Amino acid sequence: MSSLSSSTNKFPLGSKRPFSNRFKRWLNRRIPPQQSITLSQKSIFIFPTRTGFVFSILLLTLLLAAINYENSLIFALVFWLGSVFFVAIFYTFRNLSGISLELQKSGAGFVDEDIEFSIKVSRPENSQREGLQLGWPKEVKQWAELYEDASTTVHLFVNAKQRGWLNPKRLLVETYYPLGLLRAWTWVDLNAKAIVYPKPLFHDHNFINLGENDEGQLTHHSGSDDFHDMRNYHPGDSPRHILWRSYARQDELLVKQFAAYADYRLILDWYQLEGDTELRLSRLTGMALNAYNSDKEFGLKLPQIEIAPNSGKTHLNHVLKELALYKLQHEN
């Protein structure tokens, strides 16, 4: 009884999961994932729309009326409308057939942002195509018109819900051209993949300076460090720093200026923060962006991961990628 109950709970009545998994496996065999694809008879599906079904019912009704009343005019109308429907099947299918799709660019972004994917859509030569629509489920779809141009680039966006790798899966490409009576469509997997960084929090300034042996920047003051230069006397300067010999020769008060070595390379340290994993990663992301925008060299210290201080866009992307994939590498 217990085994029967557990199996029943695993796939409750009406569950679509077994069918969905079988359909995905069948689709992967029929239309394998690839970065570019040219649509053919094997990868295109076609079916009447709701309008097409109403049109078919109307056509059948007219046919029955023509048979019942033996009316040649109604017969002629039925045959004419029927030929229009079958011609529409050909043109709707043809509007997708031969279309080439290629993933050109995958963007990057932060959690809760829209990540951009650029897809090149091309048509066969001397064959205009129009009314093509592309998009991922639950996202905004874009139109592609290939009437004059042989190719165009469509920019699609997917909202990032969590950090790590974003794979929007199969892309829907469809058309209702020319009459809207039929819908031709396909599901293609262009191996689209984008990196999503943690959502940044910018209210932290918990930078940890490196040791005194590392490179930094000179700051000038009248302290007790190494002698660096001279400057004119200002009221309030310590008498101990006045160059009395110079005053005796030139009758001008000069003050010794010293140089201190200030380190502006920073470490973003996981262990200096509090909170759960996602909160710490968000705070470190904000700190990394602040350091980059301030033109400071910075490094990163995570459990079992350390990145030496550096600067520049490439270094920032490296740091952000480590934060995005922290504890997720096994899922790549």
C-alpha atoms as a PDB file:
ATOM      1  CA  MET A   1       0.000   0.000   0.000  1.00  0.00           C
ATOM      2  CA  SER A   2       2.797   2.402   0.870  1.00  0.00           C
ATOM      3  CA  SER A   3       4.613   1.786  -2.409  1.00  0.00           C
ATOM      4  CA  LEU A   4       1.407   2.391  -4.341  1.00  0.00           C
ATOM      5  CA  SER A   5       0.817   5.598  -2.431  1.00  0.00           C
ATOM      6  CA  SER A   6       4.333   6.885  -3.053  1.00  0.00           C
ATOM      7  CA  SER A   7       4.145   6.168  -6.769  1.00  0.00           C
ATOM      8  CA  THR A   8       0.803   7.917  -6.953  1.00  0.00           C
ATOM      9  CA  ASN A   9       2.199  11.007  -5.222  1.00  0.00           C
ATOM     10  CA  LYS A  10       5.219  11.073  -7.498  1.00  0.00           C
ATOM     11  CA  PHE A  11       3.067  11.596 -10.604  1.00  0.00           C
ATOM     12  CA  PRO A  12      -0.361  12.837  -9.493  1.00  0.00           C
ATOM     13  CA  LEU A  13      -3.421  12.463 -11.642  1.00  0.00           C
ATOM     14  CA  GLY A  14      -3.191  14.748 -14.641  1.00  0.00           C
ATOM     15  CA  SER A  15       0.560  15.255 -14.329  1.00  0.00           C
ATOM     16  CA  LYS A  16       2.218  16.166 -17.619  1.00  0.00           C
ATOM     17  CA  ARG A  17       5.771  15.477 -16.477  1.00  0.00           C
ATOM     18  CA  PRO A  18       6.246  11.998 -18.053  1.00  0.00           C
ATOM     19  CA  PHE A  19       4.818  13.197 -21.371  1.00  0.00           C
ATOM     20  CA  SER A  20       6.854  16.406 -21.189  1.00  0.00           C
ATOM     21  CA  ASN A  21      10.088  14.474 -20.636  1.00  0.00           C
ATOM     22  CA  ARG A  22       9.342  12.119 -23.521  1.00  0.00           C
ATOM     23  CA  PHE A  23       8.518  15.070 -25.783  1.00  0.00           C
ATOM     24  CA  LYS A  24      11.797  16.805 -24.871  1.00  0.00           C
ATOM     25  CA  ARG A  25      13.795  13.662 -25.669  1.00  0.00           C
ATOM     26  CA  TRP A  26      11.969  13.270 -28.978  1.00  0.00           C
ATOM     27  CA  LEU A  27      12.534  16.949 -29.812  1.00  0.00           C
ATOM     28  CA  ASN A  28      16.251  16.695 -28.984  1.00  0.00           C
ATOM     29  CA  ARG A  29      16.563  13.816 -31.441  1.00  0.00           C
ATOM     30  CA  ARG A  30      14.552  15.549 -34.145  1.00  0.00           C
ATOM     31  CA  ILE A  31      16.036  19.057 -33.701  1.00  0.00           C
ATOM     32  CA  PRO A  32      19.390  18.686 -31.889  1.00  0.00           C
ATOM     33  CA  PRO A  33      20.811  21.697 -30.008  1.00  0.00           C
ATOM     34  CA  GLN A  34      23.222  23.670 -32.199  1.00  0.00           C
ATOM     35  CA  GLN A  35      24.411  27.266 -32.455  1.00  0.00           C
ATOM     36  CA  SER A  36      23.074  27.686 -36.001  1.00  0.00           C
ATOM     37  CA  ILE A  37      20.315  25.892 -37.871  1.00  0.00           C
ATOM     38  CA  THR A  38      18.482  26.071 -41.195  1.00  0.00           C
ATOM     39  CA  LEU A  39      14.807  25.176 -40.893  1.00  0.00           C
ATOM     40  CA  SER A  40      13.523  22.349 -43.059  1.00  0.00           C
ATOM     41  CA  GLN A  41      10.550  19.994 -43.288  1.00  0.00           C
ATOM     42  CA  LYS A  42      11.996  17.963 -40.416  1.00  0.00           C
ATOM     43  CA  SER A  43      11.984  20.883 -37.980  1.00  0.00           C
ATOM     44  CA  ILE A  44       8.750  22.733 -38.888  1.00  0.00           C
ATOM     45  CA  PHE A  45       5.294  21.999 -37.485  1.00  0.00           C
ATOM     46  CA  ILE A  46       2.042  23.385 -38.909  1.00  0.00           C
ATOM     47  CA  PHE A  47      -1.522  23.384 -37.585  1.00  0.00           C
ATOM     48  CA  PRO A  48      -4.698  25.423 -38.090  1.00  0.00           C
ATOM     49  CA  THR A  49      -5.282  28.375 -35.786  1.00  0.00           C
ATOM     50  CA  ARG A  50      -8.589  29.029 -34.030  1.00  0.00           C
ATOM     51  CA  THR A  51      -9.557  31.142 -37.024  1.00  0.00           C
ATOM     52  CA  GLY A  52      -8.509  28.284 -39.276  1.00  0.00           C
ATOM     53  CA  PHE A  53     -10.766  25.847 -37.415  1.00  0.00           C
ATOM     54  CA  VAL A  54     -13.723  28.246 -37.698  1.00  0.00           C
ATOM     55  CA  PHE A  55     -12.939  28.612 -41.404  1.00  0.00           C
ATOM     56  CA  SER A  56     -12.878  24.813 -41.799  1.00  0.00           C
ATOM     57  CA  ILE A  57     -16.228  24.418 -40.002  1.00  0.00           C
ATOM     58  CA  LEU A  58     -17.732  27.122 -42.208  1.00  0.00           C
ATOM     59  CA  LEU A  59     -16.345  25.381 -45.282  1.00  0.00           C
ATOM     60  CA  LEU A  60     -17.849  22.057 -44.182  1.00  0.00           C
ATOM     61  CA  THR A  61     -21.199  23.722 -43.496  1.00  0.00           C
ATOM     62  CA  LEU A  62     -21.222  25.276 -46.958  1.00  0.00           C
ATOM     63  CA  LEU A  63     -20.351  21.919 -48.497  1.00  0.00           C
ATOM     64  CA  LEU A  64     -23.278  20.222 -46.728  1.00  0.00           C
ATOM     65  CA  ALA A  65     -25.587  23.024 -47.846  1.00  0.00           C
ATOM     66  CA  ALA A  66     -24.374  22.699 -51.437  1.00  0.00           C
ATOM     67  CA  ILE A  67     -25.002  18.941 -51.387  1.00  0.00           C
ATOM     68  CA  ASN A  68     -28.420  19.336 -49.762  1.00  0.00           C
ATOM     69  CA  TYR A  69     -29.668  22.054 -52.100  1.00  0.00           C
ATOM     70  CA  GLU A  70     -27.649  20.941 -55.146  1.00  0.00           C
ATOM     71  CA  ASN A  71     -26.595  24.556 -55.636  1.00  0.00           C
ATOM     72  CA  SER A  72     -23.750  24.988 -58.089  1.00  0.00           C
ATOM     73  CA  LEU A  73     -22.919  28.501 -56.843  1.00  0.00           C
ATOM     74  CA  ILE A  74     -22.360  27.216 -53.313  1.00  0.00           C
ATOM     75  CA  PHE A  75     -20.267  24.349 -54.741  1.00  0.00           C
ATOM     76  CA  ALA A  76     -18.129  26.888 -56.590  1.00  0.00           C
ATOM     77  CA  LEU A  77     -17.726  28.974 -53.429  1.00  0.00           C
ATOM     78  CA  VAL A  78     -16.727  25.890 -51.417  1.00  0.00           C
ATOM     79  CA  PHE A  79     -14.131  24.801 -53.970  1.00  0.00           C
ATOM     80  CA  TRP A  80     -12.739  28.332 -54.205  1.00  0.00           C
ATOM     81  CA  LEU A  81     -12.475  28.748 -50.410  1.00  0.00           C
ATOM     82  CA  GLY A  82     -11.016  25.247 -50.118  1.00  0.00           C
ATOM     83  CA  SER A  83      -8.320  26.055 -52.667  1.00  0.00           C
ATOM     84  CA  VAL A  84      -7.501  29.248 -50.726  1.00  0.00           C
ATOM     85  CA  PHE A  85      -7.078  27.186 -47.551  1.00  0.00           C
ATOM     86  CA  PHE A  86      -4.736  24.669 -49.209  1.00  0.00           C
ATOM     87  CA  VAL A  87      -2.691  27.438 -50.855  1.00  0.00           C
ATOM     88  CA  ALA A  88      -2.399  29.068 -47.416  1.00  0.00           C
ATOM     89  CA  ILE A  89      -0.944  25.812 -46.065  1.00  0.00           C
ATOM     90  CA  PHE A  90       1.798  25.942 -48.693  1.00  0.00           C
ATOM     91  CA  TYR A  91       2.671  29.617 -48.132  1.00  0.00           C
ATOM     92  CA  THR A  92       2.593  29.398 -44.334  1.00  0.00           C
ATOM     93  CA  PHE A  93       4.971  26.441 -44.375  1.00  0.00           C
ATOM     94  CA  ARG A  94       7.171  28.084 -47.012  1.00  0.00           C
ATOM     95  CA  ASN A  95       7.484  31.233 -44.901  1.00  0.00           C
ATOM     96  CA  LEU A  96       9.552  29.298 -42.339  1.00  0.00           C
ATOM     97  CA  SER A  97      11.244  26.778 -44.625  1.00  0.00           C
ATOM     98  CA  GLY A  98      14.838  27.716 -45.453  1.00  0.00           C
ATOM     99  CA  ILE A  99      15.146  30.305 -42.682  1.00  0.00           C
ATOM    100  CA  SER A 100      18.570  30.224 -40.992  1.00  0.00           C
ATOM    101  CA  LEU A 101      19.032  31.108 -37.323  1.00  0.00           C
ATOM    102  CA  GLU A 102      22.396  31.763 -35.689  1.00  0.00           C
ATOM    103  CA  LEU A 103      23.251  32.859 -32.162  1.00  0.00           C
ATOM    104  CA  GLN A 104      25.633  35.802 -32.529  1.00  0.00           C
ATOM    105  CA  LYS A 105      26.048  37.123 -29.010  1.00  0.00           C
ATOM    106  CA  SER A 106      25.058  36.319 -25.445  1.00  0.00           C
ATOM    107  CA  GLY A 107      25.135  39.202 -23.018  1.00  0.00           C
ATOM    108  CA  ALA A 108      25.775  39.329 -19.288  1.00  0.00           C
ATOM    109  CA  GLY A 109      24.052  41.101 -16.449  1.00  0.00           C
ATOM    110  CA  PHE A 110      22.877  41.035 -12.874  1.00  0.00           C
ATOM    111  CA  VAL A 111      19.996  39.296 -11.140  1.00  0.00           C
ATOM    112  CA  ASP A 112      16.608  40.927 -11.920  1.00  0.00           C
ATOM    113  CA  GLU A 113      17.986  42.465 -15.128  1.00  0.00           C
ATOM    114  CA  ASP A 114      17.033  41.561 -18.708  1.00  0.00           C
ATOM    115  CA  ILE A 115      19.862  39.652 -20.406  1.00  0.00           C
ATOM    116  CA  GLU A 116      20.282  40.284 -24.133  1.00  0.00           C
ATOM    117  CA  PHE A 117      20.744  37.602 -26.794  1.00  0.00           C
ATOM    118  CA  SER A 118      21.440  38.584 -30.419  1.00  0.00           C
ATOM    119  CA  ILE A 119      20.207  36.189 -33.102  1.00  0.00           C
ATOM    120  CA  LYS A 120      20.878  36.529 -36.819  1.00  0.00           C
ATOM    121  CA  VAL A 121      17.918  35.556 -39.014  1.00  0.00           C
ATOM    122  CA  SER A 122      18.576  34.925 -42.727  1.00  0.00           C
ATOM    123  CA  ARG A 123      16.386  33.912 -45.659  1.00  0.00           C
ATOM    124  CA  PRO A 124      17.229  32.084 -48.896  1.00  0.00           C
ATOM    125  CA  GLU A 125      18.214  34.252 -51.855  1.00  0.00           C
ATOM    126  CA  ASN A 126      15.438  35.662 -54.055  1.00  0.00           C
ATOM    127  CA  SER A 127      12.790  34.619 -51.544  1.00  0.00           C
ATOM    128  CA  GLN A 128      11.115  37.274 -49.389  1.00  0.00           C
ATOM    129  CA  ARG A 129       9.909  36.321 -45.915  1.00  0.00           C
ATOM    130  CA  GLU A 130       7.780  38.347 -43.546  1.00  0.00           C
ATOM    131  CA  GLY A 131       5.700  38.001 -40.419  1.00  0.00           C
ATOM    132  CA  LEU A 132       8.270  35.940 -38.475  1.00  0.00           C
ATOM    133  CA  GLN A 133       8.079  36.077 -34.695  1.00  0.00           C
ATOM    134  CA  LEU A 134      10.800  34.934 -32.280  1.00  0.00           C
ATOM    135  CA  GLY A 135      10.886  34.675 -28.512  1.00  0.00           C
ATOM    136  CA  TRP A 136      11.269  32.527 -25.442  1.00  0.00           C
ATOM    137  CA  PRO A 137       8.225  31.442 -23.425  1.00  0.00           C
ATOM    138  CA  LYS A 138       6.989  34.079 -20.943  1.00  0.00           C
ATOM    139  CA  GLU A 139       9.274  36.706 -22.522  1.00  0.00           C
ATOM    140  CA  VAL A 140       8.595  39.522 -24.984  1.00  0.00           C
ATOM    141  CA  LYS A 141       8.663  38.328 -28.601  1.00  0.00           C
ATOM    142  CA  GLN A 142      10.201  40.247 -31.509  1.00  0.00           C
ATOM    143  CA  TRP A 143       9.269  40.443 -35.175  1.00  0.00           C
ATOM    144  CA  ALA A 144      11.647  39.714 -38.048  1.00  0.00           C
ATOM    145  CA  GLU A 145      10.858  41.005 -41.537  1.00  0.00           C
ATOM    146  CA  LEU A 146      12.989  39.732 -44.418  1.00  0.00           C
ATOM    147  CA  TYR A 147      11.204  41.327 -47.330  1.00  0.00           C
ATOM    148  CA  GLU A 148      14.002  43.590 -48.568  1.00  0.00           C
ATOM    149  CA  ASP A 149      17.031  42.546 -46.497  1.00  0.00           C
ATOM    150  CA  ALA A 150      18.480  39.053 -46.806  1.00  0.00           C
ATOM    151  CA  SER A 151      19.227  38.958 -43.074  1.00  0.00           C
ATOM    152  CA  THR A 152      18.519  40.841 -39.886  1.00  0.00           C
ATOM    153  CA  THR A 153      19.593  40.676 -36.257  1.00  0.00           C
ATOM    154  CA  VAL A 154      16.918  40.216 -33.622  1.00  0.00           C
ATOM    155  CA  HIS A 155      17.646  41.249 -30.040  1.00  0.00           C
ATOM    156  CA  LEU A 156      15.803  39.149 -27.474  1.00  0.00           C
ATOM    157  CA  PHE A 157      15.784  39.603 -23.714  1.00  0.00           C
ATOM    158  CA  VAL A 158      15.345  37.133 -20.872  1.00  0.00           C
ATOM    159  CA  ASN A 159      14.810  38.221 -17.281  1.00  0.00           C
ATOM    160  CA  ALA A 160      17.442  36.748 -14.946  1.00  0.00           C
ATOM    161  CA  LYS A 161      15.933  35.269 -11.795  1.00  0.00           C
ATOM    162  CA  GLN A 162      19.088  33.919 -10.159  1.00  0.00           C
ATOM    163  CA  ARG A 163      22.873  34.099 -10.450  1.00  0.00           C
ATOM    164  CA  GLY A 164      24.945  31.606 -12.414  1.00  0.00           C
ATOM    165  CA  TRP A 165      24.544  30.420 -15.977  1.00  0.00           C
ATOM    166  CA  LEU A 166      21.313  31.427 -17.705  1.00  0.00           C
ATOM    167  CA  ASN A 167      20.127  28.981 -20.359  1.00  0.00           C
ATOM    168  CA  PRO A 168      16.719  29.985 -21.753  1.00  0.00           C
ATOM    169  CA  LYS A 169      16.374  26.597 -23.496  1.00  0.00           C
ATOM    170  CA  ARG A 170      14.433  26.330 -26.759  1.00  0.00           C
ATOM    171  CA  LEU A 171      13.470  29.374 -28.780  1.00  0.00           C
ATOM    172  CA  LEU A 172      10.020  29.581 -30.374  1.00  0.00           C
ATOM    173  CA  VAL A 173       9.969  30.719 -34.012  1.00  0.00           C
ATOM    174  CA  GLU A 174       6.511  31.028 -35.564  1.00  0.00           C
ATOM    175  CA  THR A 175       4.514  32.615 -38.361  1.00  0.00           C
ATOM    176  CA  TYR A 176       0.824  33.080 -39.217  1.00  0.00           C
ATOM    177  CA  TYR A 177       1.541  34.465 -42.682  1.00  0.00           C
ATOM    178  CA  PRO A 178      -0.284  35.053 -45.003  1.00  0.00           C
ATOM    179  CA  LEU A 179      -3.918  34.740 -43.836  1.00  0.00           C
ATOM    180  CA  GLY A 180      -3.699  33.763 -40.175  1.00  0.00           C
ATOM    181  CA  LEU A 181      -5.561  30.516 -40.872  1.00  0.00           C
ATOM    182  CA  LEU A 182      -2.556  28.365 -40.008  1.00  0.00           C
ATOM    183  CA  ARG A 183       0.375  28.550 -37.633  1.00  0.00           C
ATOM    184  CA  ALA A 184       3.787  27.195 -38.597  1.00  0.00           C
ATOM    185  CA  TRP A 185       6.335  26.998 -35.800  1.00  0.00           C
ATOM    186  CA  THR A 186       9.463  25.348 -34.533  1.00  0.00           C
ATOM    187  CA  TRP A 187      11.407  25.024 -31.274  1.00  0.00           C
ATOM    188  CA  VAL A 188      15.168  25.472 -31.728  1.00  0.00           C
ATOM    189  CA  ASP A 189      17.937  25.256 -29.147  1.00  0.00           C
ATOM    190  CA  LEU A 190      20.790  27.584 -30.163  1.00  0.00           C
ATOM    191  CA  ASN A 191      22.883  26.730 -27.087  1.00  0.00           C
ATOM    192  CA  ALA A 192      22.214  30.223 -25.729  1.00  0.00           C
ATOM    193  CA  LYS A 193      24.079  30.746 -22.472  1.00  0.00           C
ATOM    194  CA  ALA A 194      24.777  33.902 -20.467  1.00  0.00           C
ATOM    195  CA  ILE A 195      26.440  34.666 -17.137  1.00  0.00           C
ATOM    196  CA  VAL A 196      24.287  36.304 -14.454  1.00  0.00           C
ATOM    197  CA  TYR A 197      26.083  38.149 -11.652  1.00  0.00           C
ATOM    198  CA  PRO A 198      24.697  38.585  -8.125  1.00  0.00           C
ATOM    199  CA  LYS A 199      22.482  41.603  -7.598  1.00  0.00           C
ATOM    200  CA  PRO A 200      24.824  44.334  -6.293  1.00  0.00           C
ATOM    201  CA  LEU A 201      24.374  46.126  -2.980  1.00  0.00           C
ATOM    202  CA  PHE A 202      26.256  49.424  -2.889  1.00  0.00           C
ATOM    203  CA  HIS A 203      26.062  50.544   0.743  1.00  0.00           C
ATOM    204  CA  ASP A 204      29.217  48.670   1.862  1.00  0.00           C
ATOM    205  CA  HIS A 205      32.762  50.029   2.066  1.00  0.00           C
ATOM    206  CA  ASN A 206      34.447  47.145   3.886  1.00  0.00           C
ATOM    207  CA  PHE A 207      37.693  47.188   1.910  1.00  0.00           C
ATOM    208  CA  ILE A 208      40.710  45.534   3.497  1.00  0.00           C
ATOM    209  CA  ASN A 209      44.099  47.095   2.570  1.00  0.00           C
ATOM    210  CA  LEU A 210      46.991  44.921   1.583  1.00  0.00           C
ATOM    211  CA  GLY A 211      50.210  44.765   3.540  1.00  0.00           C
ATOM    212  CA  GLU A 212      52.753  47.580   3.581  1.00  0.00           C
ATOM    213  CA  ASN A 213      55.123  45.762   1.225  1.00  0.00           C
ATOM    214  CA  ASP A 214      52.794  46.070  -1.737  1.00  0.00           C
ATOM    215  CA  GLU A 215      52.683  48.862  -4.255  1.00  0.00           C
ATOM    216  CA  GLY A 216      50.626  51.942  -3.446  1.00  0.00           C
ATOM    217  CA  GLN A 217      50.595  55.704  -3.864  1.00  0.00           C
ATOM    218  CA  LEU A 218      52.659  58.515  -2.297  1.00  0.00           C
ATOM    219  CA  THR A 219      50.867  61.019  -0.086  1.00  0.00           C
ATOM    220  CA  HIS A 220      52.580  64.203   1.057  1.00  0.00           C
ATOM    221  CA  HIS A 221      52.378  65.624   4.585  1.00  0.00           C
ATOM    222  CA  SER A 222      54.581  67.188   7.239  1.00  0.00           C
ATOM    223  CA  GLY A 223      54.882  64.049   9.334  1.00  0.00           C
ATOM    224  CA  SER A 224      57.775  61.899  10.446  1.00  0.00           C
ATOM    225  CA  ASP A 225      58.216  59.691   7.365  1.00  0.00           C
ATOM    226  CA  ASP A 226      60.919  59.947   4.671  1.00  0.00           C
ATOM    227  CA  PHE A 227      61.981  63.429   3.517  1.00  0.00           C
ATOM    228  CA  HIS A 228      60.515  64.131   0.079  1.00  0.00           C
ATOM    229  CA  ASP A 229      60.528  67.867  -0.781  1.00  0.00           C
ATOM    230  CA  MET A 230      60.320  71.450   0.506  1.00  0.00           C
ATOM    231  CA  ARG A 231      57.503  73.984   0.478  1.00  0.00           C
ATOM    232  CA  ASN A 232      56.765  77.475   1.778  1.00  0.00           C
ATOM    233  CA  TYR A 233      55.918  77.895   5.437  1.00  0.00           C
ATOM    234  CA  HIS A 234      52.226  78.054   6.431  1.00  0.00           C
ATOM    235  CA  PRO A 235      50.976  79.267   9.811  1.00  0.00           C
ATOM    236  CA  GLY A 236      50.550  76.291  12.107  1.00  0.00           C
ATOM    237  CA  ASP A 237      53.476  74.249  10.698  1.00  0.00           C
ATOM    238  CA  SER A 238      55.667  72.633  13.331  1.00  0.00           C
ATOM    239  CA  PRO A 239      58.847  74.649  14.097  1.00  0.00           C
ATOM    240  CA  ARG A 240      60.775  71.351  14.071  1.00  0.00           C
ATOM    241  CA  HIS A 241      60.233  71.078  10.288  1.00  0.00           C
ATOM    242  CA  ILE A 242      61.417  74.596   9.401  1.00  0.00           C
ATOM    243  CA  LEU A 243      64.687  74.767   7.410  1.00  0.00           C
ATOM    244  CA  TRP A 244      66.473  77.384   9.540  1.00  0.00           C
ATOM    245  CA  ARG A 245      69.665  77.277   7.485  1.00  0.00           C
ATOM    246  CA  SER A 246      67.726  78.157   4.339  1.00  0.00           C
ATOM    247  CA  TYR A 247      66.054  80.993   6.231  1.00  0.00           C
ATOM    248  CA  ALA A 248      69.454  82.356   7.267  1.00  0.00           C
ATOM    249  CA  ARG A 249      70.718  82.326   3.656  1.00  0.00           C
ATOM    250  CA  GLN A 250      67.585  83.380   1.730  1.00  0.00           C
ATOM    251  CA  ASP A 251      65.519  85.133   4.405  1.00  0.00           C
ATOM    252  CA  GLU A 252      62.601  82.821   3.470  1.00  0.00           C
ATOM    253  CA  LEU A 253      60.862  80.261   5.662  1.00  0.00           C
ATOM    254  CA  LEU A 254      60.755  76.792   4.075  1.00  0.00           C
ATOM    255  CA  VAL A 255      59.301  73.621   5.591  1.00  0.00           C
ATOM    256  CA  LYS A 256      60.367  70.023   5.090  1.00  0.00           C
ATOM    257  CA  GLN A 257      57.759  67.885   3.332  1.00  0.00           C
ATOM    258  CA  PHE A 258      57.613  64.137   3.970  1.00  0.00           C
ATOM    259  CA  ALA A 259      56.141  61.280   1.973  1.00  0.00           C
ATOM    260  CA  ALA A 260      54.059  58.463   3.341  1.00  0.00           C
ATOM    261  CA  TYR A 261      53.301  55.332   1.398  1.00  0.00           C
ATOM    262  CA  ALA A 262      49.533  54.782   1.135  1.00  0.00           C
ATOM    263  CA  ASP A 263      48.228  51.513  -0.263  1.00  0.00           C
ATOM    264  CA  TYR A 264      45.203  51.808  -2.535  1.00  0.00           C
ATOM    265  CA  ARG A 265      45.001  48.185  -3.598  1.00  0.00           C
ATOM    266  CA  LEU A 266      42.072  46.521  -1.899  1.00  0.00           C
ATOM    267  CA  ILE A 267      40.920  43.059  -0.939  1.00  0.00           C
ATOM    268  CA  LEU A 268      37.207  42.272  -0.974  1.00  0.00           C
ATOM    269  CA  ASP A 269      37.099  39.811   1.893  1.00  0.00           C
ATOM    270  CA  TRP A 270      34.255  37.323   2.345  1.00  0.00           C
ATOM    271  CA  TYR A 271      35.246  36.739   5.964  1.00  0.00           C
ATOM    272  CA  GLN A 272      34.817  40.418   6.885  1.00  0.00           C
ATOM    273  CA  LEU A 273      31.107  40.332   6.009  1.00  0.00           C
ATOM    274  CA  GLU A 274      28.057  38.959   7.753  1.00  0.00           C
ATOM    275  CA  GLY A 275      24.889  37.391   6.388  1.00  0.00           C
ATOM    276  CA  ASP A 276      23.983  34.389   4.280  1.00  0.00           C
ATOM    277  CA  THR A 277      25.759  33.389   1.076  1.00  0.00           C
ATOM    278  CA  GLU A 278      23.621  35.412  -1.341  1.00  0.00           C
ATOM    279  CA  LEU A 279      23.760  38.549   0.817  1.00  0.00           C
ATOM    280  CA  ARG A 280      27.556  38.372   1.058  1.00  0.00           C
ATOM    281  CA  LEU A 281      27.897  37.828  -2.691  1.00  0.00           C
ATOM    282  CA  SER A 282      25.643  40.810  -3.406  1.00  0.00           C
ATOM    283  CA  ARG A 283      27.664  43.032  -1.076  1.00  0.00           C
ATOM    284  CA  LEU A 284      30.948  41.866  -2.622  1.00  0.00           C
ATOM    285  CA  THR A 285      29.534  42.568  -6.088  1.00  0.00           C
ATOM    286  CA  GLY A 286      28.661  46.128  -5.103  1.00  0.00           C
ATOM    287  CA  MET A 287      32.100  46.621  -3.556  1.00  0.00           C
ATOM    288  CA  ALA A 288      33.799  45.342  -6.731  1.00  0.00           C
ATOM    289  CA  LEU A 289      31.827  47.768  -8.891  1.00  0.00           C
ATOM    290  CA  ASN A 290      32.631  50.655  -6.528  1.00  0.00           C
ATOM    291  CA  ALA A 291      36.345  49.826  -6.646  1.00  0.00           C
ATOM    292  CA  TYR A 292      36.308  49.546 -10.451  1.00  0.00           C
ATOM    293  CA  ASN A 293      34.467  52.863 -10.851  1.00  0.00           C
ATOM    294  CA  SER A 294      37.024  54.480  -8.502  1.00  0.00           C
ATOM    295  CA  ASP A 295      39.945  53.190 -10.630  1.00  0.00           C
ATOM    296  CA  LYS A 296      41.336  51.223  -7.690  1.00  0.00           C
ATOM    297  CA  GLU A 297      43.161  47.929  -7.829  1.00  0.00           C
ATOM    298  CA  PHE A 298      41.234  45.286  -5.939  1.00  0.00           C
ATOM    299  CA  GLY A 299      41.321  41.587  -5.261  1.00  0.00           C
ATOM    300  CA  LEU A 300      38.852  39.006  -4.007  1.00  0.00           C
ATOM    301  CA  LYS A 301      38.983  36.527  -1.158  1.00  0.00           C
ATOM    302  CA  LEU A 302      36.376  33.768  -1.003  1.00  0.00           C
ATOM    303  CA  PRO A 303      36.512  30.393   0.741  1.00  0.00           C
ATOM    304  CA  GLN A 304      39.079  28.373  -1.278  1.00  0.00           C
ATOM    305  CA  ILE A 305      39.257  31.152  -3.920  1.00  0.00           C
ATOM    306  CA  GLU A 306      41.638  34.112  -4.027  1.00  0.00           C
ATOM    307  CA  ILE A 307      42.174  36.595  -6.858  1.00  0.00           C
ATOM    308  CA  ALA A 308      45.196  38.889  -6.688  1.00  0.00           C
ATOM    309  CA  PRO A 309      44.596  42.656  -6.858  1.00  0.00           C
ATOM    310  CA  ASN A 310      44.428  44.148 -10.324  1.00  0.00           C
ATOM    311  CA  SER A 311      42.386  46.669 -12.284  1.00  0.00           C
ATOM    312  CA  GLY A 312      40.567  47.012 -15.576  1.00  0.00           C
ATOM    313  CA  LYS A 313      37.427  45.636 -17.190  1.00  0.00           C
ATOM    314  CA  THR A 314      38.857  42.154 -17.739  1.00  0.00           C
ATOM    315  CA  HIS A 315      39.766  41.853 -14.067  1.00  0.00           C
ATOM    316  CA  LEU A 316      36.310  43.086 -13.025  1.00  0.00           C
ATOM    317  CA  ASN A 317      34.638  40.478 -15.241  1.00  0.00           C
ATOM    318  CA  HIS A 318      36.866  37.783 -13.727  1.00  0.00           C
ATOM    319  CA  VAL A 319      35.861  38.794 -10.200  1.00  0.00           C
ATOM    320  CA  LEU A 320      32.171  39.036 -11.081  1.00  0.00           C
ATOM    321  CA  LYS A 321      32.257  35.623 -12.748  1.00  0.00           C
ATOM    322  CA  GLU A 322      33.749  34.019  -9.632  1.00  0.00           C
ATOM    323  CA  LEU A 323      31.022  35.638  -7.548  1.00  0.00           C
ATOM    324  CA  ALA A 324      28.327  34.493  -9.988  1.00  0.00           C
ATOM    325  CA  LEU A 325      29.499  30.880 -10.053  1.00  0.00           C
ATOM    326  CA  TYR A 326      30.447  30.544  -6.392  1.00  0.00           C
ATOM    327  CA  LYS A 327      29.421  27.020  -5.297  1.00  0.00           C
ATOM    328  CA  LEU A 328      27.712  26.509  -8.685  1.00  0.00           C
ATOM    329  CA  GLN A 329      30.670  25.268 -10.771  1.00  0.00           C
ATOM    330  CA  HIS A 330      29.428  21.692 -10.559  1.00  0.00           C
ATOM    331  CA  GLU A 331      26.276  22.748 -12.417  1.00  0.00           C
ATOM    332  CA  ASN A 332      28.115  23.970 -15.554  1.00  0.00           C
END
